[in-house]
Amino acid sequence: MNRGPDDTPDANAAPTIRRATPADAETIARIGAETFGEAFAHLYPPGDLAAFLAEAHSVERARADLADPAKALWLVEQDGEAIGYALAGPCKLPHPEVTPACGELDRIYIRAGRQGGGAGSRLLAETLAWLEKDGPRRIWIGVWSENLGAQRLYARLGFEAVGTYEFIVGNTRDHEFIMRRG
C-alpha cells in the first residue's frame, strides 16, 4: 500500500495493473459484481440483477476464467484495493464473421469514483496488447447501445459497429452493439 508523508494511505498514488492469479478469484468476483452494479443496476429489477450477478460474477466463474489458458484477467489496484479489472479471451459474440482466431475484450470496468485518472486507458491498452501478442487479429467488443462514451472511445481505437445482439439480464433484453477492429 502506498503511504503519504504521515503514513496514511496516499489517495494520489498511481494505480497499478497486474495479471490476476487463481488466488484473486474472490477479488475478481467481488469487483466484477460491484462495478457492473455501479454501471448498470438502474436498468434491472433487483431480483434479475441479483440472479445475473450470482452467475456471471461468481467466484466459480472467476476461477474458471482464471484457469482457462485462452483467457487473461487483469486487476487494477490502488492503495491496496481493487478498483477495476478486465477480461479478454476468445470471441463469443454472436456474429457470422467471428472465427476461432478472433479475440474479445469481454469485460473492462473501473470503479465509478476512480474513473478519469488514466487507469482505464492503461488497462485497455494492456488488454488490447495481450489480445494481439501473437500478431494482429480481429478483436471484438460488445457495447451497450446507450454507452455513447465507450462507443466513441472504441471508434477512436479503430473499432466499428458491425452488428447488434441482445444482452439478457433476467427478463430485460438490452440492445448491444457488436464492434470490431481488424
N, C-alpha and C. Protein backbone atom coordinates (compact mmCIF):
# COMPACT_ATOMS: atom_id res chain seq x y z
N MET A 1 0.85 -1.17 0.00
CA MET A 1 0.00 0.00 0.00
C MET A 1 0.89 1.22 0.00
N ASN A 2 0.56 2.21 -0.84
CA ASN A 2 1.31 3.46 -0.86
C ASN A 2 0.85 4.32 0.30
N ARG A 3 1.81 4.97 0.94
CA ARG A 3 1.50 5.80 2.10
C ARG A 3 1.96 7.23 1.82
N GLY A 4 1.22 8.16 2.41
CA GLY A 4 1.59 9.56 2.33
C GLY A 4 2.62 9.89 3.39
N PRO A 5 3.02 11.16 3.47
CA PRO A 5 4.06 11.56 4.42
C PRO A 5 3.71 11.27 5.87
N ASP A 6 2.44 11.26 6.23
CA ASP A 6 2.07 10.99 7.62
C ASP A 6 1.67 9.54 7.83
N ASP A 7 2.09 8.64 6.91
CA ASP A 7 1.85 7.20 6.97
C ASP A 7 0.38 6.82 6.79
N THR A 8 -0.41 7.71 6.18
CA THR A 8 -1.79 7.36 5.82
C THR A 8 -1.80 6.96 4.36
N PRO A 9 -2.80 6.21 3.91
CA PRO A 9 -2.86 5.85 2.50
C PRO A 9 -2.80 7.10 1.62
N ASP A 10 -2.01 7.03 0.55
CA ASP A 10 -1.84 8.15 -0.37
C ASP A 10 -2.89 8.05 -1.46
N ALA A 11 -3.92 8.91 -1.38
CA ALA A 11 -5.01 8.86 -2.34
C ALA A 11 -4.56 9.23 -3.75
N ASN A 12 -3.37 9.85 -3.88
CA ASN A 12 -2.86 10.25 -5.19
C ASN A 12 -1.90 9.22 -5.78
N ALA A 13 -1.70 8.09 -5.09
CA ALA A 13 -0.80 7.06 -5.61
C ALA A 13 -1.36 6.53 -6.92
N ALA A 14 -0.47 6.30 -7.87
CA ALA A 14 -0.88 5.80 -9.18
C ALA A 14 -1.40 4.37 -9.04
N PRO A 15 -2.49 4.06 -9.71
CA PRO A 15 -2.98 2.68 -9.70
C PRO A 15 -1.97 1.76 -10.38
N THR A 16 -1.94 0.52 -9.95
CA THR A 16 -1.10 -0.49 -10.59
C THR A 16 -2.00 -1.48 -11.31
N ILE A 17 -1.46 -2.05 -12.38
CA ILE A 17 -2.19 -3.06 -13.14
C ILE A 17 -1.34 -4.32 -13.14
N ARG A 18 -1.98 -5.42 -12.81
CA ARG A 18 -1.26 -6.70 -12.82
C ARG A 18 -2.17 -7.80 -13.30
N ARG A 19 -1.55 -8.85 -13.87
CA ARG A 19 -2.33 -10.03 -14.25
C ARG A 19 -2.86 -10.68 -13.00
N ALA A 20 -4.10 -11.07 -13.04
CA ALA A 20 -4.72 -11.76 -11.92
C ALA A 20 -4.24 -13.21 -11.89
N THR A 21 -4.23 -13.77 -10.70
CA THR A 21 -3.82 -15.16 -10.48
C THR A 21 -5.00 -15.92 -9.87
N PRO A 22 -4.92 -17.25 -9.79
CA PRO A 22 -6.01 -18.00 -9.16
C PRO A 22 -6.35 -17.53 -7.74
N ALA A 23 -5.38 -17.00 -7.03
CA ALA A 23 -5.64 -16.50 -5.67
C ALA A 23 -6.53 -15.26 -5.68
N ASP A 24 -6.74 -14.66 -6.85
CA ASP A 24 -7.55 -13.45 -6.96
C ASP A 24 -9.01 -13.72 -7.31
N ALA A 25 -9.44 -14.97 -7.35
CA ALA A 25 -10.80 -15.29 -7.80
C ALA A 25 -11.87 -14.56 -7.00
N GLU A 26 -11.75 -14.52 -5.70
CA GLU A 26 -12.77 -13.84 -4.89
C GLU A 26 -12.78 -12.34 -5.16
N THR A 27 -11.59 -11.76 -5.33
CA THR A 27 -11.49 -10.33 -5.63
C THR A 27 -12.10 -10.03 -7.00
N ILE A 28 -11.80 -10.87 -7.99
CA ILE A 28 -12.37 -10.69 -9.33
C ILE A 28 -13.89 -10.75 -9.26
N ALA A 29 -14.44 -11.73 -8.56
CA ALA A 29 -15.90 -11.85 -8.45
C ALA A 29 -16.49 -10.62 -7.77
N ARG A 30 -15.87 -10.17 -6.70
CA ARG A 30 -16.40 -9.02 -5.95
C ARG A 30 -16.33 -7.75 -6.78
N ILE A 31 -15.16 -7.45 -7.37
CA ILE A 31 -15.03 -6.20 -8.13
C ILE A 31 -15.89 -6.26 -9.39
N GLY A 32 -16.05 -7.45 -9.95
CA GLY A 32 -16.92 -7.59 -11.12
C GLY A 32 -18.36 -7.26 -10.79
N ALA A 33 -18.87 -7.82 -9.70
CA ALA A 33 -20.25 -7.54 -9.30
C ALA A 33 -20.43 -6.08 -8.91
N GLU A 34 -19.46 -5.54 -8.19
CA GLU A 34 -19.58 -4.14 -7.75
C GLU A 34 -19.56 -3.17 -8.92
N THR A 35 -18.62 -3.35 -9.85
CA THR A 35 -18.52 -2.40 -10.95
C THR A 35 -19.68 -2.56 -11.94
N PHE A 36 -20.13 -3.79 -12.18
CA PHE A 36 -21.30 -3.98 -13.03
C PHE A 36 -22.50 -3.30 -12.40
N GLY A 37 -22.67 -3.49 -11.10
CA GLY A 37 -23.78 -2.85 -10.40
C GLY A 37 -23.71 -1.33 -10.45
N GLU A 38 -22.52 -0.78 -10.25
CA GLU A 38 -22.37 0.68 -10.33
C GLU A 38 -22.80 1.20 -11.70
N ALA A 39 -22.43 0.50 -12.74
CA ALA A 39 -22.71 0.97 -14.10
C ALA A 39 -24.14 0.70 -14.56
N PHE A 40 -24.72 -0.44 -14.13
CA PHE A 40 -25.95 -0.87 -14.78
C PHE A 40 -27.11 -1.25 -13.86
N ALA A 41 -26.96 -1.20 -12.55
CA ALA A 41 -28.02 -1.66 -11.65
C ALA A 41 -29.34 -0.94 -11.90
N HIS A 42 -29.28 0.30 -12.31
CA HIS A 42 -30.50 1.08 -12.53
C HIS A 42 -31.36 0.53 -13.68
N LEU A 43 -30.80 -0.37 -14.49
CA LEU A 43 -31.52 -0.89 -15.66
C LEU A 43 -32.39 -2.10 -15.34
N TYR A 44 -32.16 -2.76 -14.21
CA TYR A 44 -32.75 -4.08 -13.98
C TYR A 44 -33.54 -4.15 -12.68
N PRO A 45 -34.60 -4.97 -12.68
CA PRO A 45 -35.27 -5.26 -11.41
C PRO A 45 -34.27 -5.93 -10.46
N PRO A 46 -34.34 -5.63 -9.18
CA PRO A 46 -33.37 -6.16 -8.22
C PRO A 46 -33.19 -7.68 -8.26
N GLY A 47 -34.26 -8.43 -8.39
CA GLY A 47 -34.15 -9.89 -8.44
C GLY A 47 -33.40 -10.38 -9.66
N ASP A 48 -33.68 -9.76 -10.82
CA ASP A 48 -32.97 -10.14 -12.04
C ASP A 48 -31.49 -9.82 -11.93
N LEU A 49 -31.19 -8.63 -11.39
CA LEU A 49 -29.79 -8.24 -11.23
C LEU A 49 -29.07 -9.19 -10.29
N ALA A 50 -29.68 -9.52 -9.16
CA ALA A 50 -29.05 -10.42 -8.19
C ALA A 50 -28.77 -11.78 -8.80
N ALA A 51 -29.71 -12.32 -9.56
CA ALA A 51 -29.51 -13.64 -10.18
C ALA A 51 -28.40 -13.57 -11.23
N PHE A 52 -28.36 -12.50 -12.02
CA PHE A 52 -27.31 -12.33 -13.02
C PHE A 52 -25.94 -12.25 -12.36
N LEU A 53 -25.82 -11.41 -11.34
CA LEU A 53 -24.53 -11.24 -10.67
C LEU A 53 -24.07 -12.54 -10.02
N ALA A 54 -25.01 -13.29 -9.45
CA ALA A 54 -24.66 -14.56 -8.80
C ALA A 54 -24.07 -15.55 -9.79
N GLU A 55 -24.48 -15.48 -11.04
CA GLU A 55 -23.94 -16.38 -12.05
C GLU A 55 -22.73 -15.78 -12.77
N ALA A 56 -22.91 -14.60 -13.33
CA ALA A 56 -21.87 -14.00 -14.18
C ALA A 56 -20.65 -13.53 -13.40
N HIS A 57 -20.83 -13.21 -12.13
CA HIS A 57 -19.72 -12.70 -11.32
C HIS A 57 -19.51 -13.54 -10.07
N SER A 58 -19.66 -14.83 -10.22
CA SER A 58 -19.44 -15.74 -9.10
C SER A 58 -17.96 -16.06 -8.95
N VAL A 59 -17.59 -16.53 -7.79
CA VAL A 59 -16.21 -16.98 -7.56
C VAL A 59 -15.90 -18.16 -8.48
N GLU A 60 -16.87 -19.06 -8.68
CA GLU A 60 -16.65 -20.22 -9.56
C GLU A 60 -16.37 -19.77 -10.99
N ARG A 61 -17.11 -18.77 -11.46
CA ARG A 61 -16.89 -18.25 -12.82
C ARG A 61 -15.50 -17.61 -12.91
N ALA A 62 -15.12 -16.85 -11.90
CA ALA A 62 -13.79 -16.23 -11.90
C ALA A 62 -12.71 -17.30 -11.90
N ARG A 63 -12.88 -18.35 -11.10
CA ARG A 63 -11.90 -19.45 -11.09
C ARG A 63 -11.79 -20.10 -12.46
N ALA A 64 -12.93 -20.33 -13.11
CA ALA A 64 -12.91 -20.95 -14.44
C ALA A 64 -12.21 -20.05 -15.45
N ASP A 65 -12.49 -18.76 -15.41
CA ASP A 65 -11.82 -17.83 -16.32
C ASP A 65 -10.32 -17.79 -16.06
N LEU A 66 -9.93 -17.77 -14.80
CA LEU A 66 -8.50 -17.73 -14.45
C LEU A 66 -7.79 -19.02 -14.84
N ALA A 67 -8.49 -20.14 -14.84
CA ALA A 67 -7.88 -21.43 -15.18
C ALA A 67 -7.80 -21.66 -16.69
N ASP A 68 -8.50 -20.87 -17.47
CA ASP A 68 -8.55 -21.05 -18.92
C ASP A 68 -7.33 -20.42 -19.56
N PRO A 69 -6.43 -21.20 -20.18
CA PRO A 69 -5.22 -20.63 -20.77
C PRO A 69 -5.49 -19.72 -21.96
N ALA A 70 -6.69 -19.75 -22.51
CA ALA A 70 -7.03 -18.88 -23.64
C ALA A 70 -7.54 -17.51 -23.18
N LYS A 71 -7.69 -17.33 -21.87
CA LYS A 71 -8.20 -16.08 -21.32
C LYS A 71 -7.15 -15.42 -20.43
N ALA A 72 -7.33 -14.13 -20.22
CA ALA A 72 -6.46 -13.40 -19.30
C ALA A 72 -7.30 -12.37 -18.55
N LEU A 73 -6.98 -12.18 -17.28
CA LEU A 73 -7.63 -11.17 -16.45
C LEU A 73 -6.57 -10.29 -15.83
N TRP A 74 -6.93 -9.03 -15.66
CA TRP A 74 -6.06 -8.07 -15.01
C TRP A 74 -6.82 -7.39 -13.88
N LEU A 75 -6.11 -7.04 -12.85
CA LEU A 75 -6.67 -6.26 -11.75
C LEU A 75 -5.99 -4.90 -11.73
N VAL A 76 -6.79 -3.87 -11.45
CA VAL A 76 -6.26 -2.53 -11.21
C VAL A 76 -6.40 -2.31 -9.72
N GLU A 77 -5.28 -1.95 -9.09
CA GLU A 77 -5.28 -1.76 -7.64
C GLU A 77 -4.72 -0.38 -7.30
N GLN A 78 -5.27 0.18 -6.26
CA GLN A 78 -4.77 1.45 -5.74
C GLN A 78 -4.92 1.43 -4.23
N ASP A 79 -3.85 1.76 -3.55
CA ASP A 79 -3.86 1.76 -2.09
C ASP A 79 -4.32 0.44 -1.50
N GLY A 80 -3.90 -0.67 -2.13
CA GLY A 80 -4.23 -1.99 -1.63
C GLY A 80 -5.65 -2.45 -1.90
N GLU A 81 -6.37 -1.72 -2.73
CA GLU A 81 -7.77 -2.03 -3.02
C GLU A 81 -7.95 -2.25 -4.52
N ALA A 82 -8.72 -3.27 -4.89
CA ALA A 82 -9.06 -3.48 -6.29
C ALA A 82 -10.06 -2.42 -6.71
N ILE A 83 -9.74 -1.69 -7.79
CA ILE A 83 -10.64 -0.63 -8.27
C ILE A 83 -11.13 -0.89 -9.69
N GLY A 84 -10.66 -1.98 -10.31
CA GLY A 84 -11.11 -2.30 -11.65
C GLY A 84 -10.51 -3.60 -12.13
N TYR A 85 -10.99 -4.02 -13.30
CA TYR A 85 -10.47 -5.26 -13.86
C TYR A 85 -10.84 -5.34 -15.33
N ALA A 86 -10.19 -6.26 -16.03
CA ALA A 86 -10.52 -6.55 -17.42
C ALA A 86 -10.40 -8.05 -17.64
N LEU A 87 -11.19 -8.54 -18.60
CA LEU A 87 -11.17 -9.94 -19.01
C LEU A 87 -11.13 -9.98 -20.53
N ALA A 88 -10.24 -10.78 -21.08
CA ALA A 88 -10.13 -10.95 -22.53
C ALA A 88 -9.94 -12.42 -22.84
N GLY A 89 -10.32 -12.80 -24.06
CA GLY A 89 -10.15 -14.18 -24.48
C GLY A 89 -10.75 -14.40 -25.85
N PRO A 90 -11.08 -15.64 -26.17
CA PRO A 90 -11.69 -15.94 -27.46
C PRO A 90 -13.04 -15.24 -27.59
N CYS A 91 -13.38 -14.84 -28.81
CA CYS A 91 -14.64 -14.14 -29.03
C CYS A 91 -15.82 -15.10 -28.98
N LYS A 92 -16.84 -14.69 -28.24
CA LYS A 92 -18.07 -15.47 -28.16
C LYS A 92 -19.29 -14.66 -28.58
N LEU A 93 -19.06 -13.51 -29.21
CA LEU A 93 -20.18 -12.68 -29.65
C LEU A 93 -20.88 -13.33 -30.84
N PRO A 94 -22.20 -13.16 -30.93
CA PRO A 94 -22.97 -13.80 -32.00
C PRO A 94 -22.91 -13.02 -33.31
N HIS A 95 -21.84 -13.21 -34.04
CA HIS A 95 -21.68 -12.54 -35.33
C HIS A 95 -21.14 -13.56 -36.32
N PRO A 96 -21.66 -13.59 -37.56
CA PRO A 96 -21.24 -14.63 -38.51
C PRO A 96 -19.78 -14.57 -38.92
N GLU A 97 -19.09 -13.45 -38.70
CA GLU A 97 -17.69 -13.34 -39.09
C GLU A 97 -16.72 -13.71 -37.96
N VAL A 98 -17.24 -14.06 -36.79
CA VAL A 98 -16.38 -14.48 -35.69
C VAL A 98 -15.80 -15.86 -36.01
N THR A 99 -14.49 -15.99 -35.84
CA THR A 99 -13.80 -17.26 -36.05
C THR A 99 -13.04 -17.63 -34.79
N PRO A 100 -12.54 -18.86 -34.70
CA PRO A 100 -11.75 -19.24 -33.52
C PRO A 100 -10.49 -18.39 -33.33
N ALA A 101 -10.02 -17.73 -34.37
CA ALA A 101 -8.82 -16.89 -34.27
C ALA A 101 -9.11 -15.52 -33.68
N CYS A 102 -10.37 -15.16 -33.55
CA CYS A 102 -10.76 -13.83 -33.07
C CYS A 102 -10.63 -13.73 -31.56
N GLY A 103 -10.32 -12.53 -31.10
CA GLY A 103 -10.27 -12.24 -29.68
C GLY A 103 -11.36 -11.28 -29.28
N GLU A 104 -11.65 -11.24 -27.97
CA GLU A 104 -12.70 -10.35 -27.47
C GLU A 104 -12.26 -9.68 -26.17
N LEU A 105 -12.48 -8.39 -26.10
CA LEU A 105 -12.41 -7.69 -24.84
C LEU A 105 -13.78 -7.91 -24.20
N ASP A 106 -13.84 -8.87 -23.29
CA ASP A 106 -15.10 -9.32 -22.73
C ASP A 106 -15.64 -8.36 -21.66
N ARG A 107 -14.76 -7.90 -20.79
CA ARG A 107 -15.18 -7.00 -19.70
C ARG A 107 -14.05 -6.03 -19.40
N ILE A 108 -14.42 -4.80 -19.12
CA ILE A 108 -13.47 -3.82 -18.62
C ILE A 108 -14.23 -2.80 -17.80
N TYR A 109 -13.87 -2.68 -16.53
CA TYR A 109 -14.55 -1.79 -15.62
C TYR A 109 -13.57 -1.16 -14.64
N ILE A 110 -13.80 0.12 -14.34
CA ILE A 110 -13.10 0.84 -13.28
C ILE A 110 -14.19 1.40 -12.37
N ARG A 111 -13.99 1.31 -11.06
CA ARG A 111 -14.98 1.84 -10.11
C ARG A 111 -15.35 3.27 -10.48
N ALA A 112 -16.61 3.61 -10.31
CA ALA A 112 -17.12 4.91 -10.71
C ALA A 112 -16.32 6.06 -10.09
N GLY A 113 -16.00 5.99 -8.83
CA GLY A 113 -15.28 7.07 -8.17
C GLY A 113 -13.81 7.15 -8.51
N ARG A 114 -13.30 6.20 -9.27
CA ARG A 114 -11.87 6.15 -9.61
C ARG A 114 -11.63 6.36 -11.11
N GLN A 115 -12.67 6.67 -11.86
CA GLN A 115 -12.52 6.89 -13.29
C GLN A 115 -11.95 8.27 -13.56
N GLY A 116 -11.34 8.41 -14.73
CA GLY A 116 -10.83 9.72 -15.13
C GLY A 116 -9.37 9.96 -14.82
N GLY A 117 -8.71 9.03 -14.19
CA GLY A 117 -7.30 9.22 -13.84
C GLY A 117 -6.33 8.51 -14.77
N GLY A 118 -6.83 7.89 -15.80
CA GLY A 118 -5.96 7.21 -16.76
C GLY A 118 -5.83 5.72 -16.56
N ALA A 119 -6.32 5.18 -15.45
CA ALA A 119 -6.19 3.74 -15.19
C ALA A 119 -6.96 2.93 -16.24
N GLY A 120 -8.13 3.40 -16.62
CA GLY A 120 -8.92 2.68 -17.62
C GLY A 120 -8.23 2.63 -18.97
N SER A 121 -7.61 3.74 -19.37
CA SER A 121 -6.88 3.77 -20.64
C SER A 121 -5.68 2.83 -20.60
N ARG A 122 -4.97 2.83 -19.49
CA ARG A 122 -3.83 1.92 -19.35
C ARG A 122 -4.28 0.47 -19.37
N LEU A 123 -5.39 0.17 -18.68
CA LEU A 123 -5.91 -1.19 -18.64
C LEU A 123 -6.36 -1.62 -20.04
N LEU A 124 -7.02 -0.75 -20.75
CA LEU A 124 -7.46 -1.06 -22.11
C LEU A 124 -6.26 -1.32 -23.01
N ALA A 125 -5.24 -0.49 -22.94
CA ALA A 125 -4.04 -0.68 -23.77
C ALA A 125 -3.36 -2.01 -23.45
N GLU A 126 -3.26 -2.34 -22.18
CA GLU A 126 -2.64 -3.60 -21.76
C GLU A 126 -3.43 -4.80 -22.29
N THR A 127 -4.74 -4.72 -22.21
CA THR A 127 -5.60 -5.81 -22.64
C THR A 127 -5.55 -5.99 -24.16
N LEU A 128 -5.62 -4.90 -24.90
CA LEU A 128 -5.55 -4.98 -26.36
C LEU A 128 -4.19 -5.51 -26.81
N ALA A 129 -3.13 -5.09 -26.13
CA ALA A 129 -1.79 -5.60 -26.47
C ALA A 129 -1.72 -7.11 -26.25
N TRP A 130 -2.32 -7.60 -25.16
CA TRP A 130 -2.34 -9.04 -24.92
C TRP A 130 -3.10 -9.76 -26.01
N LEU A 131 -4.23 -9.20 -26.41
CA LEU A 131 -5.04 -9.83 -27.46
C LEU A 131 -4.28 -9.94 -28.78
N GLU A 132 -3.32 -9.04 -29.00
CA GLU A 132 -2.55 -9.05 -30.25
C GLU A 132 -1.10 -9.48 -30.04
N LYS A 133 -0.82 -10.14 -28.93
CA LYS A 133 0.56 -10.52 -28.61
C LYS A 133 1.19 -11.43 -29.65
N ASP A 134 0.38 -12.21 -30.35
CA ASP A 134 0.90 -13.11 -31.39
C ASP A 134 0.74 -12.52 -32.78
N GLY A 135 0.41 -11.25 -32.86
CA GLY A 135 0.23 -10.58 -34.14
C GLY A 135 -1.17 -10.03 -34.26
N PRO A 136 -1.38 -9.20 -35.27
CA PRO A 136 -2.71 -8.60 -35.45
C PRO A 136 -3.78 -9.66 -35.69
N ARG A 137 -4.95 -9.41 -35.16
CA ARG A 137 -6.11 -10.26 -35.40
C ARG A 137 -7.35 -9.43 -35.15
N ARG A 138 -8.48 -9.97 -35.55
CA ARG A 138 -9.73 -9.27 -35.29
C ARG A 138 -10.03 -9.31 -33.79
N ILE A 139 -10.39 -8.15 -33.28
CA ILE A 139 -10.78 -8.03 -31.88
C ILE A 139 -12.20 -7.49 -31.85
N TRP A 140 -13.01 -8.08 -31.01
CA TRP A 140 -14.42 -7.77 -30.91
C TRP A 140 -14.75 -7.23 -29.51
N ILE A 141 -15.77 -6.40 -29.45
CA ILE A 141 -16.26 -5.84 -28.19
C ILE A 141 -17.77 -5.71 -28.30
N GLY A 142 -18.49 -6.11 -27.25
CA GLY A 142 -19.92 -5.84 -27.14
C GLY A 142 -20.10 -4.60 -26.27
N VAL A 143 -20.89 -3.64 -26.76
CA VAL A 143 -21.07 -2.36 -26.05
C VAL A 143 -22.55 -2.03 -25.97
N TRP A 144 -23.00 -1.68 -24.78
CA TRP A 144 -24.39 -1.27 -24.60
C TRP A 144 -24.70 -0.12 -25.55
N SER A 145 -25.82 -0.19 -26.22
CA SER A 145 -26.18 0.80 -27.24
C SER A 145 -26.28 2.22 -26.69
N GLU A 146 -26.50 2.37 -25.41
CA GLU A 146 -26.62 3.71 -24.83
C GLU A 146 -25.32 4.20 -24.18
N ASN A 147 -24.26 3.40 -24.26
CA ASN A 147 -22.97 3.82 -23.70
C ASN A 147 -22.18 4.56 -24.79
N LEU A 148 -22.58 5.79 -25.02
CA LEU A 148 -22.00 6.57 -26.11
C LEU A 148 -20.53 6.89 -25.88
N GLY A 149 -20.14 7.11 -24.65
CA GLY A 149 -18.74 7.40 -24.35
C GLY A 149 -17.83 6.24 -24.73
N ALA A 150 -18.23 5.02 -24.37
CA ALA A 150 -17.43 3.84 -24.72
C ALA A 150 -17.40 3.65 -26.23
N GLN A 151 -18.52 3.88 -26.89
CA GLN A 151 -18.55 3.73 -28.35
C GLN A 151 -17.58 4.70 -29.02
N ARG A 152 -17.56 5.95 -28.54
CA ARG A 152 -16.62 6.95 -29.11
C ARG A 152 -15.17 6.54 -28.85
N LEU A 153 -14.89 6.07 -27.64
CA LEU A 153 -13.53 5.63 -27.32
C LEU A 153 -13.10 4.49 -28.23
N TYR A 154 -13.92 3.48 -28.36
CA TYR A 154 -13.56 2.34 -29.20
C TYR A 154 -13.43 2.75 -30.66
N ALA A 155 -14.27 3.66 -31.13
CA ALA A 155 -14.15 4.15 -32.52
C ALA A 155 -12.80 4.84 -32.73
N ARG A 156 -12.35 5.62 -31.73
CA ARG A 156 -11.02 6.27 -31.84
C ARG A 156 -9.90 5.24 -31.92
N LEU A 157 -10.14 4.05 -31.37
CA LEU A 157 -9.14 2.98 -31.39
C LEU A 157 -9.29 2.07 -32.61
N GLY A 158 -10.13 2.45 -33.55
CA GLY A 158 -10.27 1.71 -34.79
C GLY A 158 -11.38 0.69 -34.83
N PHE A 159 -12.24 0.65 -33.82
CA PHE A 159 -13.37 -0.27 -33.82
C PHE A 159 -14.53 0.35 -34.57
N GLU A 160 -15.30 -0.50 -35.26
CA GLU A 160 -16.50 -0.05 -35.94
C GLU A 160 -17.66 -0.97 -35.58
N ALA A 161 -18.86 -0.39 -35.54
CA ALA A 161 -20.06 -1.18 -35.26
C ALA A 161 -20.38 -2.03 -36.48
N VAL A 162 -20.55 -3.35 -36.24
CA VAL A 162 -20.79 -4.28 -37.35
C VAL A 162 -22.01 -5.18 -37.10
N GLY A 163 -22.70 -4.98 -36.00
CA GLY A 163 -23.87 -5.80 -35.71
C GLY A 163 -24.47 -5.45 -34.37
N THR A 164 -25.52 -6.19 -34.02
CA THR A 164 -26.20 -5.99 -32.74
C THR A 164 -26.55 -7.35 -32.14
N TYR A 165 -26.85 -7.35 -30.87
CA TYR A 165 -27.35 -8.54 -30.19
C TYR A 165 -28.07 -8.11 -28.93
N GLU A 166 -28.71 -9.06 -28.26
CA GLU A 166 -29.38 -8.79 -27.01
C GLU A 166 -28.54 -9.32 -25.85
N PHE A 167 -28.30 -8.47 -24.87
CA PHE A 167 -27.64 -8.87 -23.63
C PHE A 167 -28.75 -9.09 -22.63
N ILE A 168 -28.85 -10.31 -22.11
CA ILE A 168 -30.01 -10.69 -21.31
C ILE A 168 -29.66 -10.70 -19.82
N VAL A 169 -30.44 -9.97 -19.07
CA VAL A 169 -30.37 -9.98 -17.60
C VAL A 169 -31.79 -10.21 -17.12
N GLY A 170 -32.07 -11.43 -16.70
CA GLY A 170 -33.42 -11.77 -16.28
C GLY A 170 -34.40 -11.61 -17.43
N ASN A 171 -35.42 -10.78 -17.21
CA ASN A 171 -36.42 -10.53 -18.26
C ASN A 171 -36.07 -9.31 -19.11
N THR A 172 -34.94 -8.68 -18.85
CA THR A 172 -34.54 -7.49 -19.59
C THR A 172 -33.64 -7.89 -20.76
N ARG A 173 -33.92 -7.30 -21.91
CA ARG A 173 -33.12 -7.52 -23.11
C ARG A 173 -32.50 -6.18 -23.49
N ASP A 174 -31.20 -6.04 -23.26
CA ASP A 174 -30.51 -4.81 -23.62
C ASP A 174 -30.05 -4.87 -25.07
N HIS A 175 -30.22 -3.78 -25.78
CA HIS A 175 -29.74 -3.67 -27.15
C HIS A 175 -28.24 -3.34 -27.10
N GLU A 176 -27.42 -4.22 -27.64
CA GLU A 176 -25.97 -4.05 -27.61
C GLU A 176 -25.44 -3.96 -29.03
N PHE A 177 -24.36 -3.19 -29.19
CA PHE A 177 -23.66 -3.13 -30.46
C PHE A 177 -22.49 -4.08 -30.42
N ILE A 178 -22.22 -4.71 -31.53
CA ILE A 178 -21.01 -5.52 -31.71
C ILE A 178 -20.04 -4.65 -32.48
N MET A 179 -18.86 -4.43 -31.90
CA MET A 179 -17.84 -3.61 -32.55
C MET A 179 -16.64 -4.49 -32.85
N ARG A 180 -15.95 -4.16 -33.95
CA ARG A 180 -14.83 -4.99 -34.41
C ARG A 180 -13.71 -4.09 -34.88
N ARG A 181 -12.48 -4.57 -34.63
CA ARG A 181 -11.30 -3.92 -35.17
C ARG A 181 -10.50 -4.98 -35.89
N GLY A 182 -10.04 -4.65 -37.06
CA GLY A 182 -9.19 -5.58 -37.82
C GLY A 182 -9.94 -6.39 -38.84
